[in-house]
Amino acid sequence: MLPPVLTKYGFRIRTRVGLVINNLMIHGRDPAEAHRKLRQMYRDCEIIECICHHGGVRTPVAGYDDMKRASAG
């Protein structure tokens, strides 16, 4: 059995008090899991940018609004 594949997601966020945090790295199986983990640590933050790191290739992933629309159905 293969172990679950985790991908690194790099976030740029604005905290609820207005501080900008660059290059916040979170592992996840998919963007939704990485966003969920981020929200557990930084409640009420604004996600400015999310970049997926696939072994050296950086590709932008869906933004928070896209994820929200997808989960709404």
C-alpha atoms as a PDB file:
ATOM      1  CA  MET A   1       0.000   0.000   0.000  1.00  0.00           C
ATOM      2  CA  LEU A   2       1.339   3.413  -0.961  1.00  0.00           C
ATOM      3  CA  PRO A   3       1.394   6.255   1.582  1.00  0.00           C
ATOM      4  CA  PRO A   4      -0.952   9.183   0.898  1.00  0.00           C
ATOM      5  CA  VAL A   5       0.579  11.794  -1.372  1.00  0.00           C
ATOM      6  CA  LEU A   6       0.877  15.202   0.268  1.00  0.00           C
ATOM      7  CA  THR A   7       1.515  18.338  -1.713  1.00  0.00           C
ATOM      8  CA  LYS A   8       2.911  21.595  -0.356  1.00  0.00           C
ATOM      9  CA  TYR A   9       0.782  24.701  -0.719  1.00  0.00           C
ATOM     10  CA  GLY A  10       2.323  28.125  -0.217  1.00  0.00           C
ATOM     11  CA  PHE A  11      -0.049  30.782   1.078  1.00  0.00           C
ATOM     12  CA  ARG A  12       0.141  34.536   1.357  1.00  0.00           C
ATOM     13  CA  ILE A  13      -2.443  35.693   3.891  1.00  0.00           C
ATOM     14  CA  ARG A  14      -3.609  38.743   5.810  1.00  0.00           C
ATOM     15  CA  THR A  15      -4.410  37.967   9.443  1.00  0.00           C
ATOM     16  CA  ARG A  16      -7.494  39.326  11.160  1.00  0.00           C
ATOM     17  CA  VAL A  17      -5.350  42.081  12.727  1.00  0.00           C
ATOM     18  CA  GLY A  18      -3.962  43.117   9.322  1.00  0.00           C
ATOM     19  CA  LEU A  19      -0.498  41.514   9.270  1.00  0.00           C
ATOM     20  CA  VAL A  20       0.589  39.994   5.950  1.00  0.00           C
ATOM     21  CA  ILE A  21       2.296  36.598   6.152  1.00  0.00           C
ATOM     22  CA  ASN A  22       4.231  35.496   3.070  1.00  0.00           C
ATOM     23  CA  ASN A  23       5.278  31.962   2.143  1.00  0.00           C
ATOM     24  CA  LEU A  24       3.224  30.087   4.745  1.00  0.00           C
ATOM     25  CA  MET A  25       3.694  26.420   3.740  1.00  0.00           C
ATOM     26  CA  ILE A  26       1.009  23.820   4.501  1.00  0.00           C
ATOM     27  CA  HIS A  27       0.899  20.177   3.389  1.00  0.00           C
ATOM     28  CA  GLY A  28      -2.338  18.677   2.104  1.00  0.00           C
ATOM     29  CA  ARG A  29      -3.733  15.969  -0.155  1.00  0.00           C
ATOM     30  CA  ASP A  30      -5.572  18.647  -2.146  1.00  0.00           C
ATOM     31  CA  PRO A  31      -6.175  22.418  -2.034  1.00  0.00           C
ATOM     32  CA  ALA A  32      -9.347  22.000   0.038  1.00  0.00           C
ATOM     33  CA  GLU A  33      -7.471  20.162   2.798  1.00  0.00           C
ATOM     34  CA  ALA A  34      -4.694  22.779   2.814  1.00  0.00           C
ATOM     35  CA  HIS A  35      -7.294  25.576   3.075  1.00  0.00           C
ATOM     36  CA  ARG A  36      -9.032  23.732   5.939  1.00  0.00           C
ATOM     37  CA  LYS A  37      -5.750  23.358   7.847  1.00  0.00           C
ATOM     38  CA  LEU A  38      -4.962  27.031   7.258  1.00  0.00           C
ATOM     39  CA  ARG A  39      -8.383  28.072   8.608  1.00  0.00           C
ATOM     40  CA  GLN A  40      -7.786  25.987  11.757  1.00  0.00           C
ATOM     41  CA  MET A  41      -4.601  27.930  12.489  1.00  0.00           C
ATOM     42  CA  TYR A  42      -5.581  31.392  11.202  1.00  0.00           C
ATOM     43  CA  ARG A  43      -9.296  31.950  11.705  1.00  0.00           C
ATOM     44  CA  ASP A  44     -10.804  34.923   9.909  1.00  0.00           C
ATOM     45  CA  CYS A  45      -7.716  35.438   7.735  1.00  0.00           C
ATOM     46  CA  GLU A  46      -7.883  36.669   4.151  1.00  0.00           C
ATOM     47  CA  ILE A  47      -6.150  34.408   1.630  1.00  0.00           C
ATOM     48  CA  ILE A  48      -4.314  36.676  -0.793  1.00  0.00           C
ATOM     49  CA  GLU A  49      -2.581  33.968  -2.829  1.00  0.00           C
ATOM     50  CA  CYS A  50      -2.154  30.190  -2.874  1.00  0.00           C
ATOM     51  CA  ILE A  51       0.556  28.445  -4.894  1.00  0.00           C
ATOM     52  CA  CYS A  52       0.883  24.689  -5.283  1.00  0.00           C
ATOM     53  CA  HIS A  53       4.438  23.294  -5.111  1.00  0.00           C
ATOM     54  CA  HIS A  54       4.834  20.064  -7.115  1.00  0.00           C
ATOM     55  CA  GLY A  55       8.493  19.134  -6.649  1.00  0.00           C
ATOM     56  CA  GLY A  56       9.905  22.385  -7.980  1.00  0.00           C
ATOM     57  CA  VAL A  57       7.059  23.376 -10.308  1.00  0.00           C
ATOM     58  CA  ARG A  58       4.880  26.155  -8.908  1.00  0.00           C
ATOM     59  CA  THR A  59       1.328  26.330 -10.194  1.00  0.00           C
ATOM     60  CA  PRO A  60      -1.432  28.616  -8.901  1.00  0.00           C
ATOM     61  CA  VAL A  61      -4.453  26.828  -7.446  1.00  0.00           C
ATOM     62  CA  ALA A  62      -8.035  27.923  -7.097  1.00  0.00           C
ATOM     63  CA  GLY A  63      -8.625  30.903  -4.832  1.00  0.00           C
ATOM     64  CA  TYR A  64     -10.734  30.875  -1.701  1.00  0.00           C
ATOM     65  CA  ASP A  65     -13.793  32.223  -3.531  1.00  0.00           C
ATOM     66  CA  ASP A  66     -13.489  29.416  -6.109  1.00  0.00           C
ATOM     67  CA  MET A  67     -13.295  26.838  -3.312  1.00  0.00           C
ATOM     68  CA  LYS A  68     -16.310  28.391  -1.598  1.00  0.00           C
ATOM     69  CA  ARG A  69     -18.353  28.253  -4.820  1.00  0.00           C
ATOM     70  CA  ALA A  70     -17.316  24.639  -5.463  1.00  0.00           C
ATOM     71  CA  SER A  71     -18.350  23.511  -1.984  1.00  0.00           C
ATOM     72  CA  ALA A  72     -21.705  25.323  -2.255  1.00  0.00           C
ATOM     73  CA  GLY A  73     -22.684  22.982  -5.024  1.00  0.00           C
END
